[in-house]
Amino acid sequence: MKIVNRKSPKVGFVSLGCPKALVDSERILTRLRAEGYEVAASYGSADLVVVNTCGFIDAAVDESLDAIGEALAENGRVIVTGCLGAQPQRILDRHPQVLKITGPQRYEEVVASVHEYLPPKHEPFLDLVPAEGVRLTPRHYAYLKISEGCNHRCSFCIIPSLRGDLVSRPVGEVLREAENLARAGVKEILVISQDTSAYGVDLKYAAEPWRGRERQARFYDLTAALGELGLWIRLHYVYPYPHVDKVVDLMAEGGVLPYLDIPFQHASARILRLMKRPAAATNTLERIAAWRRVVPDLTIRSTFIVGFPGETEQDFEELLDWLRVAQLDRVGCFEYSPVEGAAANDLRLEPVPPEIKAERRARFMELSAEISAARLARKVGREMQVLVDRVDGAVAVARSSADAPEIDGTVRISGAGNLAVGSLAQVRITASGAYDLEAELVQLP
């Protein structure tokens, strides 16, 4: 049943999944706010609820289905979007009473569905929406999504079936959004996509003007242009293609943060072939060593999968040996989990027993913690610039250039309760742990 128009329609919003999905949520909310909708703070105060789901692995699917169920129980009127929306029958089997289901990146369909069940005000108030749009992150940092989809066909992943092939945003559009964020007071931009270093391939690197110069839609050119904004520019989801070397040179020049998030996933050549990883033939250890010769303080974070079908103890030991040499600063490790629709499900290989997967992950994380602790210990006594995320009494909790929000470590600054959230400060490192640092305030920059 459709409802009549009202003065201030309110939409509740639940955003699940990765930062790329968070950006999708921000775009939908920006459009709704521009049309006169208010964002409800609770299920009870909302006229309907939009749930932006994740469908990448089984645990994420379960979380999304539970969130839909909670929204239905608390509110009763639910529109579903996001990655799990690409598999509508899985949602309907559990929650047949949802109002509408749309897939990922279907912004117009989501908004149209809201219009259908909750008509907008007749007079939009575009002037009340800031140029940078509605953001779900703190004011001092923001995610900048430069493309959708992926051209790779990794056997454990279903992202291309959910989000399609690579579709890059025009370079001028990306840079104008970044400029708006800078004007709004953002201090750090986190560049994200499914394959950041492939940016612009589908556009044939088409150039557009920005700040009086033609800028090509290339990973290097975009990164160099972003560096002109004078902000912290942090690069995520970077495949180690050869042209990444030039971006490391930008880091040496100080244009962007000396930080690379590279999804290596494994080190065994045999497992990488089974995973159909694009960097399987690349000598990554040589590349990492070369990058660190150019930028000694380069931070490299990555994620890995243990227990992939057919993974032997020898394959796993090869991964540990690789990590000992690579000395990655930040890592995450996941036990392999079958994903419905993934090509890996068709591999006729012996699955790794759950207890062995868990044991391998524990060994991997133990080694990674040792490496992290040793690398952080070298920073004791050094001065560095940090960005303040929050203040807890007399302690300011900040991040250095080596720390992405929510996934990496923190720098706790004692006696700095007067610092403002979002401010930059100069500190001296006084102690270190496995993942975090302690510091004292030197001065404001």
Protein backbone atom coordinates (compact mmCIF):
# COMPACT_ATOMS: atom_id res chain seq x y z
CA MET A 1 0.00 0.00 0.00
CA LYS A 2 1.32 3.43 -0.93
CA ILE A 3 1.11 6.26 1.56
CA VAL A 4 0.13 9.89 1.13
CA ASN A 5 2.61 12.73 0.98
CA ARG A 6 3.78 14.34 4.21
CA LYS A 7 5.64 17.45 5.21
CA SER A 8 8.94 15.89 6.27
CA PRO A 9 9.35 12.30 5.01
CA LYS A 10 11.99 10.46 6.99
CA VAL A 11 14.18 7.61 5.74
CA GLY A 12 16.15 5.29 7.99
CA PHE A 13 19.38 3.96 6.52
CA VAL A 14 21.55 0.93 7.30
CA SER A 15 24.88 0.71 5.46
CA LEU A 16 26.82 -2.55 5.54
CA GLY A 17 29.98 -3.80 3.84
CA CYS A 18 33.12 -2.16 2.51
CA PRO A 19 34.01 1.54 2.03
CA LYS A 20 32.85 1.28 -1.59
CA ALA A 21 29.36 0.43 -0.33
CA LEU A 22 29.62 3.30 2.14
CA VAL A 23 30.17 5.70 -0.75
CA ASP A 24 27.10 4.23 -2.47
CA SER A 25 25.11 4.96 0.69
CA GLU A 26 26.40 8.54 0.76
CA ARG A 27 25.30 9.09 -2.84
CA ILE A 28 21.80 7.79 -2.18
CA LEU A 29 21.45 9.89 0.97
CA THR A 30 22.73 12.98 -0.83
CA ARG A 31 20.04 12.58 -3.49
CA LEU A 32 17.31 11.98 -0.90
CA ARG A 33 18.37 14.96 1.19
CA ALA A 34 18.33 17.14 -1.93
CA GLU A 35 14.71 16.09 -2.51
CA GLY A 36 13.55 17.05 0.96
CA TYR A 37 13.88 13.79 2.84
CA GLU A 38 15.24 13.72 6.37
CA VAL A 39 17.49 10.95 7.69
CA ALA A 40 15.88 9.25 10.67
CA ALA A 41 17.99 8.44 13.71
CA SER A 42 16.04 5.32 14.63
CA TYR A 43 13.77 2.70 13.12
CA GLY A 44 10.83 4.07 15.09
CA SER A 45 11.16 7.60 13.73
CA ALA A 46 11.54 6.47 10.09
CA ASP A 47 8.73 6.24 7.56
CA LEU A 48 10.68 3.50 5.80
CA VAL A 49 14.17 2.00 5.96
CA VAL A 50 16.76 1.41 3.22
CA VAL A 51 19.26 -1.39 3.89
CA ASN A 52 22.44 -1.30 1.78
CA THR A 53 23.69 -4.88 1.90
CA CYS A 54 26.92 -6.81 1.38
CA GLY A 55 26.98 -10.18 -0.38
CA PHE A 56 30.67 -10.92 -0.80
CA ILE A 57 31.07 -13.87 1.59
CA ASP A 58 28.60 -16.04 3.49
CA ALA A 59 29.18 -14.22 6.78
CA ALA A 60 28.36 -10.90 5.09
CA VAL A 61 25.22 -12.41 3.55
CA ASP A 62 24.07 -13.59 6.98
CA GLU A 63 24.75 -10.18 8.49
CA SER A 64 22.77 -8.50 5.70
CA LEU A 65 19.81 -10.86 6.04
CA ASP A 66 19.80 -10.31 9.81
CA ALA A 67 19.87 -6.53 9.31
CA ILE A 68 16.92 -6.73 6.91
CA GLY A 69 15.03 -8.83 9.44
CA GLU A 70 15.75 -6.36 12.24
CA ALA A 71 14.58 -3.43 10.10
CA LEU A 72 11.39 -5.30 9.21
CA ALA A 73 10.72 -6.16 12.85
CA GLU A 74 11.34 -2.61 14.07
CA ASN A 75 9.82 -0.67 11.19
CA GLY A 76 8.05 -3.00 8.75
CA ARG A 77 8.73 -0.99 5.56
CA VAL A 78 12.09 -1.93 4.02
CA ILE A 79 13.80 -1.33 0.66
CA VAL A 80 16.91 -3.42 0.01
CA THR A 81 19.85 -2.45 -2.19
CA GLY A 82 23.57 -3.29 -2.49
CA CYS A 83 25.53 -6.38 -3.46
CA LEU A 84 23.13 -8.92 -1.97
CA GLY A 85 20.40 -7.22 -3.98
CA ALA A 86 21.96 -8.82 -7.06
CA GLN A 87 20.61 -12.12 -5.69
CA PRO A 88 17.01 -11.11 -4.90
CA GLN A 89 15.72 -14.65 -4.42
CA ARG A 90 18.05 -15.19 -1.46
CA ILE A 91 16.45 -12.17 0.18
CA LEU A 92 12.87 -13.09 -0.74
CA ASP A 93 13.30 -16.65 0.53
CA ARG A 94 13.97 -15.22 3.99
CA HIS A 95 12.10 -11.91 3.88
CA PRO A 96 9.29 -11.97 1.29
CA GLN A 97 7.70 -8.84 2.80
CA VAL A 98 10.42 -6.36 1.68
CA LEU A 99 9.03 -3.56 -0.48
CA LYS A 100 11.65 -3.50 -3.24
CA ILE A 101 15.07 -5.00 -4.04
CA THR A 102 17.72 -3.36 -6.22
CA GLY A 103 21.31 -4.36 -6.95
CA PRO A 104 24.53 -2.45 -6.27
CA GLN A 105 25.13 1.00 -7.79
CA ARG A 106 21.43 1.31 -8.71
CA TYR A 107 21.09 4.76 -7.20
CA GLU A 108 18.23 5.86 -9.43
CA GLU A 109 16.25 2.69 -8.75
CA VAL A 110 16.65 3.09 -5.00
CA VAL A 111 15.49 6.70 -5.12
CA ALA A 112 12.57 5.76 -7.40
CA SER A 113 11.56 3.03 -4.95
CA VAL A 114 11.60 5.54 -2.08
CA HIS A 115 9.47 7.88 -4.22
CA GLU A 116 6.96 5.09 -4.79
CA TYR A 117 6.42 4.23 -1.15
CA LEU A 118 7.28 7.59 0.41
CA PRO A 119 6.65 10.49 -2.01
CA PRO A 120 9.04 13.44 -1.72
CA LYS A 121 8.16 16.98 -0.84
CA HIS A 122 7.00 18.98 -3.82
CA GLU A 123 9.75 21.58 -3.44
CA PRO A 124 13.29 20.22 -3.17
CA PHE A 125 15.79 22.28 -1.19
CA LEU A 126 19.00 21.69 -3.07
CA ASP A 127 20.60 24.73 -1.43
CA LEU A 128 20.56 22.91 1.92
CA VAL A 129 22.77 20.06 0.66
CA PRO A 130 26.51 20.85 0.83
CA ALA A 131 28.56 20.62 -2.36
CA GLU A 132 30.41 17.58 -1.06
CA GLY A 133 27.11 15.80 -0.43
CA VAL A 134 26.00 13.81 2.61
CA ARG A 135 28.85 11.89 4.24
CA LEU A 136 28.78 9.04 6.72
CA THR A 137 32.41 9.47 7.79
CA PRO A 138 33.75 12.03 10.29
CA ARG A 139 34.22 15.53 8.86
CA HIS A 140 38.00 15.27 8.59
CA TYR A 141 38.29 12.30 6.23
CA ALA A 142 36.32 10.96 3.29
CA TYR A 143 36.32 8.11 0.79
CA LEU A 144 36.67 8.99 -2.89
CA LYS A 145 35.46 6.21 -5.18
CA ILE A 146 37.05 6.53 -8.62
CA SER A 147 35.51 3.53 -10.40
CA GLU A 148 33.01 0.71 -10.15
CA GLY A 149 33.41 -2.97 -10.96
CA CYS A 150 36.41 -5.08 -11.89
CA ASN A 151 37.82 -6.77 -15.02
CA HIS A 152 39.51 -9.60 -13.12
CA ARG A 153 37.95 -12.99 -12.62
CA CYS A 154 39.55 -14.23 -9.41
CA SER A 155 38.16 -17.67 -8.68
CA PHE A 156 37.16 -16.90 -5.08
CA CYS A 157 35.36 -13.63 -5.90
CA ILE A 158 31.93 -12.76 -7.29
CA ILE A 159 32.36 -8.98 -7.41
CA PRO A 160 32.20 -8.79 -11.24
CA SER A 161 28.87 -10.64 -11.20
CA LEU A 162 27.59 -8.23 -8.55
CA ARG A 163 29.08 -4.94 -9.71
CA GLY A 164 30.06 -5.60 -13.32
CA ASP A 165 33.23 -4.83 -15.23
CA LEU A 166 35.44 -1.81 -14.61
CA VAL A 167 33.66 1.53 -15.15
CA SER A 168 35.90 4.50 -14.34
CA ARG A 169 34.53 7.93 -13.48
CA PRO A 170 35.68 10.83 -15.70
CA VAL A 171 38.81 12.37 -14.28
CA GLY A 172 37.35 15.88 -14.11
CA GLU A 173 34.36 14.64 -12.12
CA VAL A 174 36.63 12.86 -9.62
CA LEU A 175 38.89 15.87 -9.17
CA ARG A 176 35.98 18.27 -8.72
CA GLU A 177 34.55 16.02 -6.01
CA ALA A 178 37.94 15.96 -4.30
CA GLU A 179 38.11 19.76 -4.49
CA ASN A 180 34.67 20.05 -2.88
CA LEU A 181 35.82 17.77 -0.08
CA ALA A 182 38.89 19.92 0.47
CA ARG A 183 36.74 23.06 0.64
CA ALA A 184 34.53 21.34 3.21
CA GLY A 185 37.51 20.90 5.53
CA VAL A 186 38.43 17.29 4.81
CA LYS A 187 42.05 16.62 5.77
CA GLU A 188 42.38 13.09 4.35
CA ILE A 189 41.01 11.50 1.17
CA LEU A 190 41.02 7.73 0.90
CA VAL A 191 40.99 6.68 -2.76
CA ILE A 192 39.00 3.49 -3.28
CA SER A 193 37.68 1.26 -6.06
CA GLN A 194 37.75 -2.43 -6.84
CA ASP A 195 41.02 -2.06 -8.78
CA THR A 196 42.46 1.40 -8.23
CA SER A 197 45.55 1.02 -10.40
CA ALA A 198 43.40 0.03 -13.42
CA TYR A 199 41.66 3.40 -13.29
CA GLY A 200 40.93 4.87 -16.73
CA VAL A 201 41.62 1.79 -18.86
CA ASP A 202 37.99 1.64 -19.99
CA LEU A 203 37.99 5.38 -20.76
CA LYS A 204 41.09 4.99 -22.93
CA TYR A 205 42.65 7.50 -20.50
CA ALA A 206 40.46 10.36 -21.80
CA ALA A 207 41.70 13.77 -20.67
CA GLU A 208 39.64 16.59 -19.13
CA PRO A 209 40.63 20.08 -17.95
CA TRP A 210 41.20 20.79 -14.26
CA ARG A 211 42.93 23.81 -12.75
CA GLY A 212 43.97 25.08 -16.17
CA ARG A 213 45.58 21.84 -17.40
CA GLU A 214 44.49 18.72 -19.22
CA ARG A 215 44.49 15.71 -16.88
CA GLN A 216 44.37 12.17 -18.20
CA ALA A 217 42.24 9.45 -16.64
CA ARG A 218 45.28 7.44 -15.57
CA PHE A 219 46.14 6.17 -12.12
CA TYR A 220 49.38 8.16 -12.02
CA ASP A 221 47.92 11.38 -13.41
CA LEU A 222 44.92 11.26 -11.09
CA THR A 223 47.14 10.61 -8.07
CA ALA A 224 49.48 13.45 -9.02
CA ALA A 225 46.54 15.83 -9.41
CA LEU A 226 45.06 14.83 -6.05
CA GLY A 227 48.46 15.51 -4.51
CA GLU A 228 48.10 19.16 -5.54
CA LEU A 229 45.25 19.61 -3.04
CA GLY A 230 47.65 19.57 -0.10
CA LEU A 231 45.70 16.87 1.76
CA TRP A 232 46.57 13.43 2.99
CA ILE A 233 45.94 11.19 -0.03
CA ARG A 234 45.78 7.49 0.85
CA LEU A 235 45.61 4.78 -1.85
CA HIS A 236 43.61 1.59 -1.35
CA TYR A 237 43.08 -1.61 -3.42
CA VAL A 238 46.13 -1.08 -5.62
CA TYR A 239 47.13 -4.04 -7.80
CA PRO A 240 50.92 -4.05 -8.25
CA TYR A 241 51.03 -3.32 -11.98
CA PRO A 242 54.35 -1.90 -13.29
CA HIS A 243 53.02 1.67 -13.47
CA VAL A 244 52.59 1.66 -9.67
CA ASP A 245 56.35 2.28 -9.52
CA LYS A 246 55.79 5.85 -10.80
CA VAL A 247 53.23 6.47 -8.06
CA VAL A 248 55.83 5.41 -5.48
CA ASP A 249 58.01 8.17 -6.93
CA LEU A 250 55.19 10.61 -6.11
CA MET A 251 55.31 9.37 -2.54
CA ALA A 252 59.04 10.07 -2.41
CA GLU A 253 58.29 13.63 -3.50
CA GLY A 254 55.71 14.02 -0.71
CA GLY A 255 52.68 14.42 -2.96
CA VAL A 256 50.76 11.49 -1.49
CA LEU A 257 51.05 9.45 1.68
CA PRO A 258 53.71 6.71 1.63
CA TYR A 259 51.04 4.02 1.96
CA LEU A 260 49.92 1.23 -0.37
CA ASP A 261 47.05 -1.15 0.25
CA ILE A 262 47.74 -4.11 -2.06
CA PRO A 263 45.59 -7.27 -1.98
CA PHE A 264 48.31 -9.92 -2.43
CA GLN A 265 46.03 -12.73 -1.11
CA HIS A 266 48.76 -15.42 -1.13
CA ALA A 267 52.40 -16.10 -2.05
CA SER A 268 52.38 -19.67 -3.34
CA ALA A 269 52.57 -19.58 -7.15
CA ARG A 270 50.37 -22.67 -7.33
CA ILE A 271 47.65 -21.19 -5.13
CA LEU A 272 47.80 -17.84 -6.94
CA ARG A 273 47.21 -19.67 -10.24
CA LEU A 274 44.23 -21.48 -8.73
CA MET A 275 42.94 -18.14 -7.46
CA LYS A 276 43.48 -16.65 -10.94
CA ARG A 277 45.18 -13.67 -9.42
CA PRO A 278 46.43 -11.07 -11.94
CA ALA A 279 49.79 -10.62 -10.19
CA ALA A 280 50.58 -14.33 -9.98
CA ALA A 281 53.65 -14.08 -12.21
CA THR A 282 55.05 -10.91 -10.67
CA ASN A 283 58.10 -11.11 -8.44
CA THR A 284 56.46 -9.16 -5.66
CA LEU A 285 59.38 -9.40 -3.25
CA GLU A 286 61.66 -7.62 -5.69
CA ARG A 287 59.04 -4.95 -6.27
CA ILE A 288 58.57 -4.35 -2.55
CA ALA A 289 62.32 -4.08 -2.01
CA ALA A 290 62.60 -1.60 -4.90
CA TRP A 291 59.75 0.52 -3.55
CA ARG A 292 61.36 0.69 -0.12
CA ARG A 293 64.65 1.77 -1.64
CA VAL A 294 62.79 4.76 -3.08
CA VAL A 295 60.57 5.36 -0.01
CA PRO A 296 62.15 3.82 3.12
CA ASP A 297 59.10 4.73 5.25
CA LEU A 298 56.62 3.16 2.83
CA THR A 299 53.79 1.37 4.67
CA ILE A 300 52.34 -1.65 2.89
CA ARG A 301 49.12 -3.27 4.03
CA SER A 302 47.52 -6.32 2.52
CA THR A 303 44.99 -9.10 3.00
CA PHE A 304 45.50 -12.84 2.64
CA ILE A 305 43.39 -15.96 2.40
CA VAL A 306 44.43 -19.21 4.06
CA GLY A 307 42.78 -22.57 3.55
CA PHE A 308 41.98 -22.12 -0.15
CA PRO A 309 40.92 -25.47 -1.68
CA GLY A 310 43.99 -27.61 -2.26
CA GLU A 311 46.29 -25.48 -0.08
CA THR A 312 48.97 -27.78 1.34
CA GLU A 313 51.21 -27.24 4.34
CA GLN A 314 54.00 -26.53 1.86
CA ASP A 315 51.92 -23.80 0.20
CA PHE A 316 51.20 -22.26 3.59
CA GLU A 317 54.86 -22.41 4.66
CA GLU A 318 55.73 -20.67 1.41
CA LEU A 319 53.33 -17.89 2.39
CA LEU A 320 54.97 -17.56 5.83
CA ASP A 321 58.45 -17.48 4.28
CA TRP A 322 57.29 -14.78 1.86
CA LEU A 323 55.88 -12.69 4.72
CA ARG A 324 59.14 -12.97 6.67
CA VAL A 325 60.98 -11.46 3.71
CA ALA A 326 58.29 -8.95 2.67
CA GLN A 327 57.96 -7.54 6.21
CA LEU A 328 54.55 -6.04 5.51
CA ASP A 329 53.50 -3.41 8.02
CA ARG A 330 49.77 -4.15 8.22
CA VAL A 331 47.99 -7.37 7.27
CA GLY A 332 44.62 -9.01 7.55
CA CYS A 333 44.02 -12.73 7.16
CA PHE A 334 40.81 -14.59 6.40
CA GLU A 335 39.97 -18.26 6.38
CA TYR A 336 38.70 -19.29 2.97
CA SER A 337 34.92 -19.45 2.84
CA PRO A 338 33.01 -20.71 -0.23
CA VAL A 339 30.92 -18.03 -1.90
CA GLU A 340 27.86 -18.98 -3.88
CA GLY A 341 28.58 -18.47 -7.58
CA ALA A 342 32.39 -18.35 -7.26
CA ALA A 343 34.47 -20.35 -9.76
CA ALA A 344 36.53 -21.82 -6.91
CA ASN A 345 33.52 -23.94 -5.99
CA ASP A 346 34.06 -25.94 -9.18
CA LEU A 347 37.70 -26.78 -8.45
CA ARG A 348 38.06 -30.51 -7.91
CA LEU A 349 40.42 -30.07 -5.00
CA GLU A 350 40.36 -31.33 -1.45
CA PRO A 351 38.89 -28.69 0.89
CA VAL A 352 41.04 -27.71 3.83
CA PRO A 353 39.44 -28.87 7.11
CA PRO A 354 38.08 -26.02 9.28
CA GLU A 355 40.43 -26.79 12.19
CA ILE A 356 43.47 -26.57 9.88
CA LYS A 357 42.24 -23.28 8.37
CA ALA A 358 41.86 -21.85 11.87
CA GLU A 359 45.29 -23.10 12.93
CA ARG A 360 46.95 -21.62 9.84
CA ARG A 361 45.28 -18.28 10.34
CA ALA A 362 46.46 -18.21 13.96
CA ARG A 363 50.06 -18.96 12.90
CA PHE A 364 49.90 -16.32 10.18
CA MET A 365 48.59 -13.64 12.53
CA GLU A 366 51.16 -14.54 15.19
CA LEU A 367 53.97 -13.98 12.68
CA SER A 368 52.40 -10.78 11.35
CA ALA A 369 52.07 -9.41 14.91
CA GLU A 370 55.77 -10.08 15.51
CA ILE A 371 56.69 -8.25 12.30
CA SER A 372 54.40 -5.34 13.10
CA ALA A 373 55.78 -4.99 16.62
CA ALA A 374 59.35 -4.97 15.36
CA ARG A 375 58.63 -2.38 12.68
CA LEU A 376 56.75 -0.12 15.09
CA ALA A 377 59.54 -0.36 17.68
CA ARG A 378 61.86 1.37 15.20
CA LYS A 379 59.63 4.43 15.35
CA VAL A 380 60.16 5.06 19.08
CA GLY A 381 61.94 8.38 19.55
CA ARG A 382 60.95 9.72 16.13
CA GLU A 383 58.77 12.74 15.46
CA MET A 384 55.84 12.52 13.06
CA GLN A 385 52.67 14.27 12.03
CA VAL A 386 49.37 12.70 13.07
CA LEU A 387 45.67 13.34 12.40
CA VAL A 388 43.39 13.37 15.47
CA ASP A 389 40.32 11.10 15.22
CA ARG A 390 38.89 11.48 18.72
CA VAL A 391 39.67 12.74 22.20
CA ASP A 392 39.14 10.57 25.29
CA GLY A 393 39.61 12.78 28.33
CA ALA A 394 43.26 13.81 28.42
CA VAL A 395 44.25 11.42 25.62
CA ALA A 396 43.96 12.22 21.93
CA VAL A 397 43.64 9.18 19.66
CA ALA A 398 45.21 9.86 16.28
CA ARG A 399 46.61 8.18 13.20
CA SER A 400 49.92 8.57 11.38
CA SER A 401 50.48 8.32 7.63
CA ALA A 402 50.87 4.56 8.22
CA ASP A 403 47.33 4.12 9.57
CA ALA A 404 44.09 4.00 7.62
CA PRO A 405 40.95 4.62 9.70
CA GLU A 406 39.24 1.64 11.31
CA ILE A 407 41.58 -1.01 9.86
CA ASP A 408 45.07 -0.05 11.03
CA GLY A 409 46.62 1.07 14.29
CA THR A 410 46.40 4.28 16.31
CA VAL A 411 48.71 6.78 17.99
CA ARG A 412 47.62 7.65 21.55
CA ILE A 413 48.86 11.07 22.67
CA SER A 414 48.93 11.58 26.43
CA GLY A 415 48.13 14.99 27.88
CA ALA A 416 46.61 16.20 24.63
CA GLY A 417 42.96 16.51 25.55
CA ASN A 418 42.94 20.08 24.21
CA LEU A 419 43.50 18.93 20.61
CA ALA A 420 40.55 19.28 18.27
CA VAL A 421 39.20 16.30 16.36
CA GLY A 422 40.37 16.60 12.77
CA SER A 423 43.47 18.62 13.63
CA LEU A 424 47.01 17.77 12.61
CA ALA A 425 49.65 17.63 15.32
CA GLN A 426 53.36 16.97 15.62
CA VAL A 427 54.23 14.24 18.13
CA ARG A 428 57.18 12.25 19.41
CA ILE A 429 56.74 8.48 19.70
CA THR A 430 57.42 7.26 23.23
CA ALA A 431 56.39 3.59 23.15
CA SER A 432 55.09 0.91 20.80
CA GLY A 433 53.06 -2.29 20.91
CA ALA A 434 52.08 -4.92 18.37
CA TYR A 435 49.84 -2.56 16.39
CA ASP A 436 49.65 0.83 18.12
CA LEU A 437 51.95 3.64 19.24
CA GLU A 438 52.12 5.93 22.28
CA ALA A 439 53.24 9.53 21.85
CA GLU A 440 53.68 12.93 23.47
CA LEU A 441 52.73 16.22 21.91
CA VAL A 442 55.59 18.26 20.45
CA GLN A 443 53.64 21.08 18.82
CA LEU A 444 50.76 21.90 16.55
CA PRO A 445 51.99 22.17 12.95
